[in-house]
Amino acid sequence: MKQFLSLLVFGAILTGCGSPITTATAPSQEDRLTAIADVPQYALGKPIAQGNLTLYPVILTKHNSIPHEDYISLAEAKKLGVVEISEMPGQEEVNRLMVKNMGPKPLLLLAGEMLLGGKQDRIVGKDTVVPAGEEMAMPVYCVEHDRWTGSSSKFEYSDSMAPAEVRLKASVGGQQEVWDEVASYNASLKVSERQSSVRAGFQNKEVQDRIASDLTPIQEKLEAEKQVVGVVYAVNGEIENLELFGSEPLFRASQNALLKSFLADASSKVERKPKVLDIKDVTDFIRRALDGQRSQTRIAGKISNWNYRSDGIKGAETTLADSPVNGTDRSGFVHGSYASEKH
């Protein structure tokens, strides 16, 4: 009997020898991408959902030959100790600060980055590039309505941006609109009216707990994607905005600050069962964001700032000087922030 069973097993093994053994292979990144109609240089990666927040990574699929300089981010510059930000020497102003770049690379500061200290907390008002070894005045907005005192004229940066809707007002609005949005954001988190800085809302326990629990999982999923140059950000199934960069290194340098901004914003919105967001809605948003009207608002050294408006979308862009972009020609593009018109 034992011999018979052994023969059966042996026969089964021989029978299987003629059939190739197949193993499941994970789909390549290309297989997981969603194409965007009429925009061949970009595609969408797999959505990343965390609570009421969903991110759609924007993947660069074609080389655009963009002549980018090797910029350093504000976070990197602070870590290396090669940047100094202070009140204007001898003539403090609400809407201007002095930036000194002591490093060997041009410094890129993005609209909405939070600068804490000085006589009142500020955020960067417009994307700004400070050449290596130089100092220049930078436009800013106050995000602390009452204070105008301080033991130091210097500012610190904690790798954080203001919540998304505050950043939007900085990009396309004015000082009063920024103050109004800070007050609205703080009120949504039940922050005391005596605490007029956006820092009060951002450091709210609910916001910090959300960042502590959700930041790392999102980072890990984003790191798994290659050639990421931006993200579409949605809350409760509604698109809020698109952040897009001219290259992956530019995006990665600002990734953590952006993610904190998204989480801070999502924390202030009542979480509800989201409506189903069709992927076509996301691709349509990107397509419209790349094909609108642009008007130049500022030239500062090697870059230009532009206001942007399209069908249901408004925002701001930064390009190399005098290089307006459109959906097909992205040469000279550095950074763009595009928000749903519902804001």
C-alpha atoms as a PDB file:
ATOM      1  CA  MET A   1       0.000   0.000   0.000  1.00  0.00           C
ATOM      2  CA  LYS A   2       2.825   2.350   0.867  1.00  0.00           C
ATOM      3  CA  GLN A   3       4.479   1.560  -2.452  1.00  0.00           C
ATOM      4  CA  PHE A   4       1.229   2.342  -4.288  1.00  0.00           C
ATOM      5  CA  LEU A   5       0.856   5.717  -2.578  1.00  0.00           C
ATOM      6  CA  SER A   6       4.460   6.546  -3.319  1.00  0.00           C
ATOM      7  CA  LEU A   7       3.934   5.737  -6.986  1.00  0.00           C
ATOM      8  CA  LEU A   8       0.855   7.975  -7.092  1.00  0.00           C
ATOM      9  CA  VAL A   9       2.770  10.889  -5.613  1.00  0.00           C
ATOM     10  CA  PHE A  10       5.699  10.280  -7.953  1.00  0.00           C
ATOM     11  CA  GLY A  11       3.363  10.130 -10.932  1.00  0.00           C
ATOM     12  CA  ALA A  12       1.684  13.379  -9.918  1.00  0.00           C
ATOM     13  CA  ILE A  13       5.063  15.074  -9.722  1.00  0.00           C
ATOM     14  CA  LEU A  14       6.022  13.783 -13.181  1.00  0.00           C
ATOM     15  CA  THR A  15       2.696  14.930 -14.627  1.00  0.00           C
ATOM     16  CA  GLY A  16       3.257  18.426 -13.260  1.00  0.00           C
ATOM     17  CA  CYS A  17       6.769  18.641 -14.649  1.00  0.00           C
ATOM     18  CA  GLY A  18       5.512  19.325 -18.146  1.00  0.00           C
ATOM     19  CA  SER A  19       3.555  22.455 -17.089  1.00  0.00           C
ATOM     20  CA  PRO A  20       5.437  25.720 -16.452  1.00  0.00           C
ATOM     21  CA  ILE A  21       5.039  27.102 -12.941  1.00  0.00           C
ATOM     22  CA  THR A  22       3.554  30.593 -13.096  1.00  0.00           C
ATOM     23  CA  THR A  23       3.877  33.265 -10.421  1.00  0.00           C
ATOM     24  CA  ALA A  24       1.847  36.449 -10.151  1.00  0.00           C
ATOM     25  CA  THR A  25       3.839  39.592 -10.874  1.00  0.00           C
ATOM     26  CA  ALA A  26       2.962  43.027  -9.583  1.00  0.00           C
ATOM     27  CA  PRO A  27       1.769  45.438 -12.283  1.00  0.00           C
ATOM     28  CA  SER A  28       4.355  47.995 -13.383  1.00  0.00           C
ATOM     29  CA  GLN A  29       3.844  51.672 -12.619  1.00  0.00           C
ATOM     30  CA  GLU A  30       2.905  52.270 -16.254  1.00  0.00           C
ATOM     31  CA  ASP A  31       0.105  49.698 -15.972  1.00  0.00           C
ATOM     32  CA  ARG A  32      -1.306  51.503 -12.935  1.00  0.00           C
ATOM     33  CA  LEU A  33      -1.339  55.000 -14.482  1.00  0.00           C
ATOM     34  CA  THR A  34      -4.445  56.801 -15.725  1.00  0.00           C
ATOM     35  CA  ALA A  35      -3.936  58.828 -18.897  1.00  0.00           C
ATOM     36  CA  ILE A  36      -5.092  62.449 -19.098  1.00  0.00           C
ATOM     37  CA  ALA A  37      -6.816  63.371 -22.363  1.00  0.00           C
ATOM     38  CA  ASP A  38      -4.824  65.891 -24.457  1.00  0.00           C
ATOM     39  CA  VAL A  39      -2.081  66.048 -21.793  1.00  0.00           C
ATOM     40  CA  PRO A  40       0.412  63.317 -22.755  1.00  0.00           C
ATOM     41  CA  GLN A  41       3.209  64.577 -20.494  1.00  0.00           C
ATOM     42  CA  TYR A  42       1.273  63.773 -17.296  1.00  0.00           C
ATOM     43  CA  ALA A  43      -0.713  60.842 -15.899  1.00  0.00           C
ATOM     44  CA  LEU A  44      -2.402  59.985 -12.594  1.00  0.00           C
ATOM     45  CA  GLY A  45      -1.022  57.444 -10.150  1.00  0.00           C
ATOM     46  CA  LYS A  46      -3.051  55.321  -7.748  1.00  0.00           C
ATOM     47  CA  PRO A  47      -5.219  57.418  -5.354  1.00  0.00           C
ATOM     48  CA  ILE A  48      -4.046  57.672  -1.743  1.00  0.00           C
ATOM     49  CA  ALA A  49      -6.929  57.847   0.744  1.00  0.00           C
ATOM     50  CA  GLN A  50      -6.532  58.685   4.437  1.00  0.00           C
ATOM     51  CA  GLY A  51      -9.688  59.579   6.347  1.00  0.00           C
ATOM     52  CA  ASN A  52     -11.591  62.337   4.542  1.00  0.00           C
ATOM     53  CA  LEU A  53      -8.473  63.221   2.519  1.00  0.00           C
ATOM     54  CA  THR A  54      -7.629  61.746  -0.892  1.00  0.00           C
ATOM     55  CA  LEU A  55      -4.543  62.536  -2.958  1.00  0.00           C
ATOM     56  CA  TYR A  56      -4.025  61.734  -6.624  1.00  0.00           C
ATOM     57  CA  PRO A  57      -0.295  61.717  -7.522  1.00  0.00           C
ATOM     58  CA  VAL A  58       0.538  63.450 -10.807  1.00  0.00           C
ATOM     59  CA  ILE A  59       3.235  61.530 -12.682  1.00  0.00           C
ATOM     60  CA  LEU A  60       5.562  63.017 -15.297  1.00  0.00           C
ATOM     61  CA  THR A  61       5.501  60.683 -18.308  1.00  0.00           C
ATOM     62  CA  LYS A  62       7.532  62.679 -20.811  1.00  0.00           C
ATOM     63  CA  HIS A  63      10.755  64.619 -20.422  1.00  0.00           C
ATOM     64  CA  ASN A  64      10.041  68.305 -20.946  1.00  0.00           C
ATOM     65  CA  SER A  65      13.629  69.562 -21.205  1.00  0.00           C
ATOM     66  CA  ILE A  66      12.887  72.234 -18.601  1.00  0.00           C
ATOM     67  CA  PRO A  67      16.100  74.191 -17.884  1.00  0.00           C
ATOM     68  CA  HIS A  68      15.764  74.098 -14.102  1.00  0.00           C
ATOM     69  CA  GLU A  69      18.491  75.317 -11.847  1.00  0.00           C
ATOM     70  CA  ASP A  70      19.369  73.160  -8.870  1.00  0.00           C
ATOM     71  CA  TYR A  71      17.230  75.023  -6.318  1.00  0.00           C
ATOM     72  CA  ILE A  72      17.414  74.479  -2.584  1.00  0.00           C
ATOM     73  CA  SER A  73      14.185  74.487  -0.573  1.00  0.00           C
ATOM     74  CA  LEU A  74      13.594  76.586   2.536  1.00  0.00           C
ATOM     75  CA  ALA A  75      13.497  73.436   4.687  1.00  0.00           C
ATOM     76  CA  GLU A  76      16.875  72.291   3.356  1.00  0.00           C
ATOM     77  CA  ALA A  77      18.378  75.768   3.709  1.00  0.00           C
ATOM     78  CA  LYS A  78      17.251  76.025   7.363  1.00  0.00           C
ATOM     79  CA  LYS A  79      18.662  72.584   8.102  1.00  0.00           C
ATOM     80  CA  LEU A  80      22.037  73.619   6.637  1.00  0.00           C
ATOM     81  CA  GLY A  81      21.947  77.028   8.301  1.00  0.00           C
ATOM     82  CA  VAL A  82      22.389  78.937   5.037  1.00  0.00           C
ATOM     83  CA  VAL A  83      19.303  81.165   5.148  1.00  0.00           C
ATOM     84  CA  GLU A  84      18.350  84.090   7.354  1.00  0.00           C
ATOM     85  CA  ILE A  85      14.920  85.743   7.309  1.00  0.00           C
ATOM     86  CA  SER A  86      14.289  88.931   9.258  1.00  0.00           C
ATOM     87  CA  GLU A  87      12.209  92.072   9.488  1.00  0.00           C
ATOM     88  CA  MET A  88      13.278  94.798   7.037  1.00  0.00           C
ATOM     89  CA  PRO A  89      16.307  96.446   8.706  1.00  0.00           C
ATOM     90  CA  GLY A  90      15.351  99.779  10.225  1.00  0.00           C
ATOM     91  CA  GLN A  91      12.001  99.931   8.418  1.00  0.00           C
ATOM     92  CA  GLU A  92       9.801  97.018   9.464  1.00  0.00           C
ATOM     93  CA  GLU A  93       6.846  96.445   7.139  1.00  0.00           C
ATOM     94  CA  VAL A  94       3.864  94.132   7.395  1.00  0.00           C
ATOM     95  CA  ASN A  95       4.165  92.894   3.838  1.00  0.00           C
ATOM     96  CA  ARG A  96       7.928  92.635   3.260  1.00  0.00           C
ATOM     97  CA  LEU A  97      10.749  90.667   4.876  1.00  0.00           C
ATOM     98  CA  MET A  98      14.465  90.452   4.107  1.00  0.00           C
ATOM     99  CA  VAL A  99      15.838  87.059   2.988  1.00  0.00           C
ATOM    100  CA  LYS A 100      19.557  86.312   2.898  1.00  0.00           C
ATOM    101  CA  ASN A 101      20.751  83.215   1.036  1.00  0.00           C
ATOM    102  CA  MET A 102      24.225  82.243   2.241  1.00  0.00           C
ATOM    103  CA  GLY A 103      24.289  78.950   0.341  1.00  0.00           C
ATOM    104  CA  PRO A 104      25.775  77.944  -3.031  1.00  0.00           C
ATOM    105  CA  LYS A 105      22.388  77.311  -4.721  1.00  0.00           C
ATOM    106  CA  PRO A 106      19.385  79.533  -5.548  1.00  0.00           C
ATOM    107  CA  LEU A 107      16.779  79.379  -2.757  1.00  0.00           C
ATOM    108  CA  LEU A 108      13.151  78.699  -3.738  1.00  0.00           C
ATOM    109  CA  LEU A 109      10.483  79.881  -1.276  1.00  0.00           C
ATOM    110  CA  LEU A 110       6.865  78.913  -1.970  1.00  0.00           C
ATOM    111  CA  ALA A 111       3.763  80.989  -1.323  1.00  0.00           C
ATOM    112  CA  GLY A 112       2.185  79.906   1.962  1.00  0.00           C
ATOM    113  CA  GLU A 113       5.314  78.700   3.783  1.00  0.00           C
ATOM    114  CA  MET A 114       4.916  79.723   7.433  1.00  0.00           C
ATOM    115  CA  LEU A 115       7.521  82.055   8.963  1.00  0.00           C
ATOM    116  CA  LEU A 116       7.207  82.252  12.737  1.00  0.00           C
ATOM    117  CA  GLY A 117       8.626  84.981  14.986  1.00  0.00           C
ATOM    118  CA  GLY A 118       9.648  88.562  14.297  1.00  0.00           C
ATOM    119  CA  LYS A 119       7.059  91.161  15.197  1.00  0.00           C
ATOM    120  CA  GLN A 120       4.230  88.959  13.877  1.00  0.00           C
ATOM    121  CA  ASP A 121       3.953  85.592  12.128  1.00  0.00           C
ATOM    122  CA  ARG A 122       3.959  85.783   8.320  1.00  0.00           C
ATOM    123  CA  ILE A 123       3.617  83.508   5.310  1.00  0.00           C
ATOM    124  CA  VAL A 124       5.479  83.825   2.022  1.00  0.00           C
ATOM    125  CA  GLY A 125       3.240  85.888  -0.285  1.00  0.00           C
ATOM    126  CA  LYS A 126       4.543  84.857  -3.725  1.00  0.00           C
ATOM    127  CA  ASP A 127       6.913  82.147  -4.933  1.00  0.00           C
ATOM    128  CA  THR A 128      10.347  83.766  -4.678  1.00  0.00           C
ATOM    129  CA  VAL A 129      13.865  82.782  -5.770  1.00  0.00           C
ATOM    130  CA  VAL A 130      16.842  84.295  -3.929  1.00  0.00           C
ATOM    131  CA  PRO A 131      20.086  83.841  -5.902  1.00  0.00           C
ATOM    132  CA  ALA A 132      23.043  82.144  -4.230  1.00  0.00           C
ATOM    133  CA  GLY A 133      25.006  84.479  -1.974  1.00  0.00           C
ATOM    134  CA  GLU A 134      22.476  87.322  -2.228  1.00  0.00           C
ATOM    135  CA  GLU A 135      19.769  88.959  -0.136  1.00  0.00           C
ATOM    136  CA  MET A 136      16.538  90.544  -1.239  1.00  0.00           C
ATOM    137  CA  ALA A 137      13.157  91.781   0.004  1.00  0.00           C
ATOM    138  CA  MET A 138      10.359  89.204  -0.246  1.00  0.00           C
ATOM    139  CA  PRO A 139       6.570  89.793  -0.330  1.00  0.00           C
ATOM    140  CA  VAL A 140       4.764  88.278   2.654  1.00  0.00           C
ATOM    141  CA  TYR A 141       1.358  88.340   4.338  1.00  0.00           C
ATOM    142  CA  CYS A 142       0.683  88.692   8.036  1.00  0.00           C
ATOM    143  CA  VAL A 143      -1.143  85.716   9.558  1.00  0.00           C
ATOM    144  CA  GLU A 144      -1.244  87.124  13.097  1.00  0.00           C
ATOM    145  CA  HIS A 145      -3.604  90.055  13.238  1.00  0.00           C
ATOM    146  CA  ASP A 146      -2.803  91.733  16.574  1.00  0.00           C
ATOM    147  CA  ARG A 147       0.865  91.348  17.614  1.00  0.00           C
ATOM    148  CA  TRP A 148       3.539  93.858  16.569  1.00  0.00           C
ATOM    149  CA  THR A 149       6.232  93.162  19.147  1.00  0.00           C
ATOM    150  CA  GLY A 150       8.958  90.574  19.500  1.00  0.00           C
ATOM    151  CA  SER A 151      12.232  89.852  21.266  1.00  0.00           C
ATOM    152  CA  SER A 152      13.929  89.093  17.937  1.00  0.00           C
ATOM    153  CA  SER A 153      13.620  90.346  14.381  1.00  0.00           C
ATOM    154  CA  LYS A 154      14.487  86.863  13.053  1.00  0.00           C
ATOM    155  CA  PHE A 155      12.079  84.186  11.770  1.00  0.00           C
ATOM    156  CA  GLU A 156      12.051  80.417  12.071  1.00  0.00           C
ATOM    157  CA  TYR A 157      10.653  77.836   9.651  1.00  0.00           C
ATOM    158  CA  SER A 158       9.266  74.494  10.854  1.00  0.00           C
ATOM    159  CA  ASP A 159       8.815  72.702   7.508  1.00  0.00           C
ATOM    160  CA  SER A 160       5.145  73.714   7.426  1.00  0.00           C
ATOM    161  CA  MET A 161       2.814  75.599   5.123  1.00  0.00           C
ATOM    162  CA  ALA A 162      -0.363  77.405   6.048  1.00  0.00           C
ATOM    163  CA  PRO A 163      -3.590  75.439   5.508  1.00  0.00           C
ATOM    164  CA  ALA A 164      -4.542  75.164   1.840  1.00  0.00           C
ATOM    165  CA  GLU A 165      -7.269  77.827   1.785  1.00  0.00           C
ATOM    166  CA  VAL A 166      -5.047  80.360   3.575  1.00  0.00           C
ATOM    167  CA  ARG A 167      -2.315  79.688   1.001  1.00  0.00           C
ATOM    168  CA  LEU A 168      -4.804  80.260  -1.791  1.00  0.00           C
ATOM    169  CA  LYS A 169      -5.705  83.708  -0.445  1.00  0.00           C
ATOM    170  CA  ALA A 170      -1.990  84.522  -0.302  1.00  0.00           C
ATOM    171  CA  SER A 171      -1.559  83.493  -3.949  1.00  0.00           C
ATOM    172  CA  VAL A 172      -4.545  85.285  -5.475  1.00  0.00           C
ATOM    173  CA  GLY A 173      -5.930  87.626  -2.800  1.00  0.00           C
ATOM    174  CA  GLY A 174      -4.776  90.419  -0.526  1.00  0.00           C
ATOM    175  CA  GLN A 175      -3.901  91.004   3.129  1.00  0.00           C
ATOM    176  CA  GLN A 176      -7.481  91.441   4.357  1.00  0.00           C
ATOM    177  CA  GLU A 177      -8.561  88.240   2.595  1.00  0.00           C
ATOM    178  CA  VAL A 178      -5.683  86.371   4.240  1.00  0.00           C
ATOM    179  CA  TRP A 179      -6.688  87.681   7.676  1.00  0.00           C
ATOM    180  CA  ASP A 180     -10.315  86.739   7.030  1.00  0.00           C
ATOM    181  CA  GLU A 181      -9.332  83.202   6.008  1.00  0.00           C
ATOM    182  CA  VAL A 182      -7.085  82.802   9.078  1.00  0.00           C
ATOM    183  CA  ALA A 183     -10.006  83.845  11.296  1.00  0.00           C
ATOM    184  CA  SER A 184     -12.340  81.431   9.480  1.00  0.00           C
ATOM    185  CA  TYR A 185      -9.860  78.559   9.786  1.00  0.00           C
ATOM    186  CA  ASN A 186      -9.272  79.144  13.498  1.00  0.00           C
ATOM    187  CA  ALA A 187     -13.012  79.467  14.131  1.00  0.00           C
ATOM    188  CA  SER A 188     -13.635  76.101  12.428  1.00  0.00           C
ATOM    189  CA  LEU A 189     -11.318  74.548  15.025  1.00  0.00           C
ATOM    190  CA  LYS A 190     -12.907  76.528  17.888  1.00  0.00           C
ATOM    191  CA  VAL A 191      -9.701  78.434  18.589  1.00  0.00           C
ATOM    192  CA  SER A 192     -10.163  81.433  20.916  1.00  0.00           C
ATOM    193  CA  GLU A 193     -10.544  84.763  19.116  1.00  0.00           C
ATOM    194  CA  ARG A 194      -7.749  86.072  21.358  1.00  0.00           C
ATOM    195  CA  GLN A 195      -5.344  83.814  19.447  1.00  0.00           C
ATOM    196  CA  SER A 196      -5.218  85.582  16.111  1.00  0.00           C
ATOM    197  CA  SER A 197      -2.326  83.697  14.482  1.00  0.00           C
ATOM    198  CA  VAL A 198      -2.814  80.841  12.039  1.00  0.00           C
ATOM    199  CA  ARG A 199      -0.218  79.110  14.212  1.00  0.00           C
ATOM    200  CA  ALA A 200      -2.913  78.690  16.905  1.00  0.00           C
ATOM    201  CA  GLY A 201      -5.138  76.719  14.561  1.00  0.00           C
ATOM    202  CA  PHE A 202      -2.276  74.741  13.034  1.00  0.00           C
ATOM    203  CA  GLN A 203      -0.992  73.731  16.481  1.00  0.00           C
ATOM    204  CA  ASN A 204      -4.485  72.733  17.654  1.00  0.00           C
ATOM    205  CA  LYS A 205      -4.397  69.238  19.201  1.00  0.00           C
ATOM    206  CA  GLU A 206      -6.873  67.849  16.695  1.00  0.00           C
ATOM    207  CA  VAL A 207      -4.727  69.048  13.788  1.00  0.00           C
ATOM    208  CA  GLN A 208      -1.468  67.820  15.292  1.00  0.00           C
ATOM    209  CA  ASP A 209      -2.986  64.427  16.125  1.00  0.00           C
ATOM    210  CA  ARG A 210      -4.181  64.114  12.522  1.00  0.00           C
ATOM    211  CA  ILE A 211      -0.725  64.974  11.194  1.00  0.00           C
ATOM    212  CA  ALA A 212       0.936  62.558  13.618  1.00  0.00           C
ATOM    213  CA  SER A 213      -1.311  59.652  12.617  1.00  0.00           C
ATOM    214  CA  ASP A 214      -1.687  60.216   8.858  1.00  0.00           C
ATOM    215  CA  LEU A 215       1.482  61.902   7.589  1.00  0.00           C
ATOM    216  CA  THR A 216       3.747  58.843   7.574  1.00  0.00           C
ATOM    217  CA  PRO A 217       1.306  56.469   5.798  1.00  0.00           C
ATOM    218  CA  ILE A 218       0.753  59.039   3.052  1.00  0.00           C
ATOM    219  CA  GLN A 219       4.487  59.682   2.722  1.00  0.00           C
ATOM    220  CA  GLU A 220       5.190  55.977   2.332  1.00  0.00           C
ATOM    221  CA  LYS A 221       2.605  55.572  -0.438  1.00  0.00           C
ATOM    222  CA  LEU A 222       3.852  58.645  -2.273  1.00  0.00           C
ATOM    223  CA  GLU A 223       7.448  57.461  -2.027  1.00  0.00           C
ATOM    224  CA  ALA A 224       6.443  54.256  -3.815  1.00  0.00           C
ATOM    225  CA  GLU A 225       5.581  56.258  -6.940  1.00  0.00           C
ATOM    226  CA  LYS A 226       8.241  57.433  -9.398  1.00  0.00           C
ATOM    227  CA  GLN A 227       8.426  60.733 -11.272  1.00  0.00           C
ATOM    228  CA  VAL A 228       5.834  62.409  -9.019  1.00  0.00           C
ATOM    229  CA  VAL A 229       5.644  66.131  -9.817  1.00  0.00           C
ATOM    230  CA  GLY A 230       2.436  67.068  -8.015  1.00  0.00           C
ATOM    231  CA  VAL A 231      -0.836  66.005  -6.407  1.00  0.00           C
ATOM    232  CA  VAL A 232      -4.542  66.685  -6.743  1.00  0.00           C
ATOM    233  CA  TYR A 233      -5.992  67.173  -3.278  1.00  0.00           C
ATOM    234  CA  ALA A 234      -9.620  66.286  -2.417  1.00  0.00           C
ATOM    235  CA  VAL A 235     -11.615  66.381   0.847  1.00  0.00           C
ATOM    236  CA  ASN A 236     -14.868  64.491   1.351  1.00  0.00           C
ATOM    237  CA  GLY A 237     -14.860  63.579  -2.336  1.00  0.00           C
ATOM    238  CA  GLU A 238     -14.572  67.178  -3.582  1.00  0.00           C
ATOM    239  CA  ILE A 239     -11.497  68.461  -5.411  1.00  0.00           C
ATOM    240  CA  GLU A 240      -9.824  71.285  -3.513  1.00  0.00           C
ATOM    241  CA  ASN A 241      -6.723  72.026  -5.556  1.00  0.00           C
ATOM    242  CA  LEU A 242      -3.783  70.862  -7.648  1.00  0.00           C
ATOM    243  CA  GLU A 243      -0.164  71.481  -6.677  1.00  0.00           C
ATOM    244  CA  LEU A 244       2.193  70.981  -9.624  1.00  0.00           C
ATOM    245  CA  PHE A 245       5.976  71.347  -9.947  1.00  0.00           C
ATOM    246  CA  GLY A 246       8.374  71.472 -12.850  1.00  0.00           C
ATOM    247  CA  SER A 247      10.374  68.445 -11.712  1.00  0.00           C
ATOM    248  CA  GLU A 248      10.299  65.608  -9.184  1.00  0.00           C
ATOM    249  CA  PRO A 249      13.141  67.068  -7.023  1.00  0.00           C
ATOM    250  CA  LEU A 250      11.188  70.330  -6.672  1.00  0.00           C
ATOM    251  CA  PHE A 251       8.085  68.420  -5.559  1.00  0.00           C
ATOM    252  CA  ARG A 252       9.950  66.133  -3.160  1.00  0.00           C
ATOM    253  CA  ALA A 253      11.664  69.108  -1.486  1.00  0.00           C
ATOM    254  CA  SER A 254       8.258  70.583  -0.584  1.00  0.00           C
ATOM    255  CA  GLN A 255       6.301  67.338  -0.158  1.00  0.00           C
ATOM    256  CA  ASN A 256       6.200  67.167   3.643  1.00  0.00           C
ATOM    257  CA  ALA A 257       5.179  70.796   4.101  1.00  0.00           C
ATOM    258  CA  LEU A 258       2.418  70.379   1.529  1.00  0.00           C
ATOM    259  CA  LEU A 259       1.100  67.194   3.140  1.00  0.00           C
ATOM    260  CA  LYS A 260       0.920  68.905   6.539  1.00  0.00           C
ATOM    261  CA  SER A 261      -0.991  71.741   4.896  1.00  0.00           C
ATOM    262  CA  PHE A 262      -3.501  69.308   3.367  1.00  0.00           C
ATOM    263  CA  LEU A 263      -3.975  67.454   6.660  1.00  0.00           C
ATOM    264  CA  ALA A 264      -4.380  70.715   8.586  1.00  0.00           C
ATOM    265  CA  ASP A 265      -7.030  71.817   6.105  1.00  0.00           C
ATOM    266  CA  ALA A 266      -8.851  68.447   6.114  1.00  0.00           C
ATOM    267  CA  SER A 267      -8.895  68.501   9.935  1.00  0.00           C
ATOM    268  CA  SER A 268     -10.948  71.690   9.895  1.00  0.00           C
ATOM    269  CA  LYS A 269     -13.692  70.182   7.727  1.00  0.00           C
ATOM    270  CA  VAL A 270     -16.442  67.970   9.134  1.00  0.00           C
ATOM    271  CA  GLU A 271     -15.733  64.435   7.990  1.00  0.00           C
ATOM    272  CA  ARG A 272     -18.671  62.890   6.201  1.00  0.00           C
ATOM    273  CA  LYS A 273     -19.270  60.049   3.833  1.00  0.00           C
ATOM    274  CA  PRO A 274     -17.667  61.307   0.632  1.00  0.00           C
ATOM    275  CA  LYS A 275     -19.427  61.339  -2.671  1.00  0.00           C
ATOM    276  CA  VAL A 276     -17.843  59.101  -5.280  1.00  0.00           C
ATOM    277  CA  LEU A 277     -15.225  61.113  -7.155  1.00  0.00           C
ATOM    278  CA  ASP A 278     -14.957  59.865 -10.717  1.00  0.00           C
ATOM    279  CA  ILE A 279     -11.352  59.672 -11.927  1.00  0.00           C
ATOM    280  CA  LYS A 280     -12.481  61.562 -15.027  1.00  0.00           C
ATOM    281  CA  ASP A 281     -13.351  64.525 -12.799  1.00  0.00           C
ATOM    282  CA  VAL A 282      -9.732  64.534 -11.631  1.00  0.00           C
ATOM    283  CA  THR A 283      -8.222  64.296 -15.110  1.00  0.00           C
ATOM    284  CA  ASP A 284     -10.593  67.014 -16.369  1.00  0.00           C
ATOM    285  CA  PHE A 285      -9.499  69.282 -13.513  1.00  0.00           C
ATOM    286  CA  ILE A 286      -5.836  68.853 -14.472  1.00  0.00           C
ATOM    287  CA  ARG A 287      -6.556  69.429 -18.150  1.00  0.00           C
ATOM    288  CA  ARG A 288      -8.434  72.666 -17.378  1.00  0.00           C
ATOM    289  CA  ALA A 289      -5.702  73.773 -14.966  1.00  0.00           C
ATOM    290  CA  LEU A 290      -3.150  73.616 -17.760  1.00  0.00           C
ATOM    291  CA  ASP A 291      -5.187  75.473 -20.361  1.00  0.00           C
ATOM    292  CA  GLY A 292      -6.424  78.760 -18.892  1.00  0.00           C
ATOM    293  CA  GLN A 293      -5.651  82.472 -19.049  1.00  0.00           C
ATOM    294  CA  ARG A 294      -2.519  83.807 -17.374  1.00  0.00           C
ATOM    295  CA  SER A 295      -1.631  87.393 -16.467  1.00  0.00           C
ATOM    296  CA  GLN A 296       1.832  88.371 -15.279  1.00  0.00           C
ATOM    297  CA  THR A 297       1.863  89.982 -11.834  1.00  0.00           C
ATOM    298  CA  ARG A 298       5.555  90.233 -10.916  1.00  0.00           C
ATOM    299  CA  ILE A 299       9.070  89.672 -12.236  1.00  0.00           C
ATOM    300  CA  ALA A 300      11.767  89.106  -9.622  1.00  0.00           C
ATOM    301  CA  GLY A 301      15.178  88.185 -10.971  1.00  0.00           C
ATOM    302  CA  LYS A 302      14.992  84.947 -12.935  1.00  0.00           C
ATOM    303  CA  ILE A 303      11.324  84.139 -12.253  1.00  0.00           C
ATOM    304  CA  SER A 304       7.874  85.523 -13.006  1.00  0.00           C
ATOM    305  CA  ASN A 305       4.644  85.219 -11.017  1.00  0.00           C
ATOM    306  CA  TRP A 306       1.341  84.831 -12.866  1.00  0.00           C
ATOM    307  CA  ASN A 307      -2.299  84.867 -11.833  1.00  0.00           C
ATOM    308  CA  TYR A 308      -4.310  82.097 -13.445  1.00  0.00           C
ATOM    309  CA  ARG A 309      -7.985  81.635 -14.297  1.00  0.00           C
ATOM    310  CA  SER A 310      -9.788  78.886 -16.176  1.00  0.00           C
ATOM    311  CA  ASP A 311     -13.206  77.237 -16.294  1.00  0.00           C
ATOM    312  CA  GLY A 312     -14.047  76.880 -12.590  1.00  0.00           C
ATOM    313  CA  ILE A 313     -10.392  77.163 -11.493  1.00  0.00           C
ATOM    314  CA  LYS A 314      -8.192  79.985 -10.200  1.00  0.00           C
ATOM    315  CA  GLY A 315      -4.641  80.057  -8.938  1.00  0.00           C
ATOM    316  CA  ALA A 316      -1.067  81.198  -9.427  1.00  0.00           C
ATOM    317  CA  GLU A 317       1.991  80.029 -11.348  1.00  0.00           C
ATOM    318  CA  THR A 318       5.711  80.630 -11.252  1.00  0.00           C
ATOM    319  CA  THR A 319       7.880  80.318 -14.347  1.00  0.00           C
ATOM    320  CA  LEU A 320      11.348  81.232 -15.478  1.00  0.00           C
ATOM    321  CA  ALA A 321      11.258  84.924 -16.423  1.00  0.00           C
ATOM    322  CA  ASP A 322       8.929  85.818 -19.303  1.00  0.00           C
ATOM    323  CA  SER A 323       8.066  82.165 -19.976  1.00  0.00           C
ATOM    324  CA  PRO A 324       4.258  81.785 -19.932  1.00  0.00           C
ATOM    325  CA  VAL A 325       3.209  78.160 -20.269  1.00  0.00           C
ATOM    326  CA  ASN A 326       0.257  76.318 -21.728  1.00  0.00           C
ATOM    327  CA  GLY A 327      -0.990  72.756 -21.818  1.00  0.00           C
ATOM    328  CA  THR A 328       1.492  71.601 -24.442  1.00  0.00           C
ATOM    329  CA  ASP A 329       4.552  73.749 -23.801  1.00  0.00           C
ATOM    330  CA  ARG A 330       5.716  73.388 -20.193  1.00  0.00           C
ATOM    331  CA  SER A 331       9.252  74.703 -20.705  1.00  0.00           C
ATOM    332  CA  GLY A 332      10.178  77.173 -17.990  1.00  0.00           C
ATOM    333  CA  PHE A 333       7.481  75.970 -15.584  1.00  0.00           C
ATOM    334  CA  VAL A 334       8.540  75.950 -11.905  1.00  0.00           C
ATOM    335  CA  HIS A 335       5.400  75.687  -9.756  1.00  0.00           C
ATOM    336  CA  GLY A 336       1.654  76.160  -9.940  1.00  0.00           C
ATOM    337  CA  SER A 337      -1.190  76.074  -7.438  1.00  0.00           C
ATOM    338  CA  TYR A 338      -4.734  75.727  -8.855  1.00  0.00           C
ATOM    339  CA  ALA A 339      -7.889  75.753  -6.739  1.00  0.00           C
ATOM    340  CA  SER A 340     -11.521  74.977  -7.401  1.00  0.00           C
ATOM    341  CA  GLU A 341     -13.506  78.153  -8.028  1.00  0.00           C
ATOM    342  CA  LYS A 342     -15.963  77.122  -5.288  1.00  0.00           C
ATOM    343  CA  HIS A 343     -13.482  78.754  -2.889  1.00  0.00           C
END
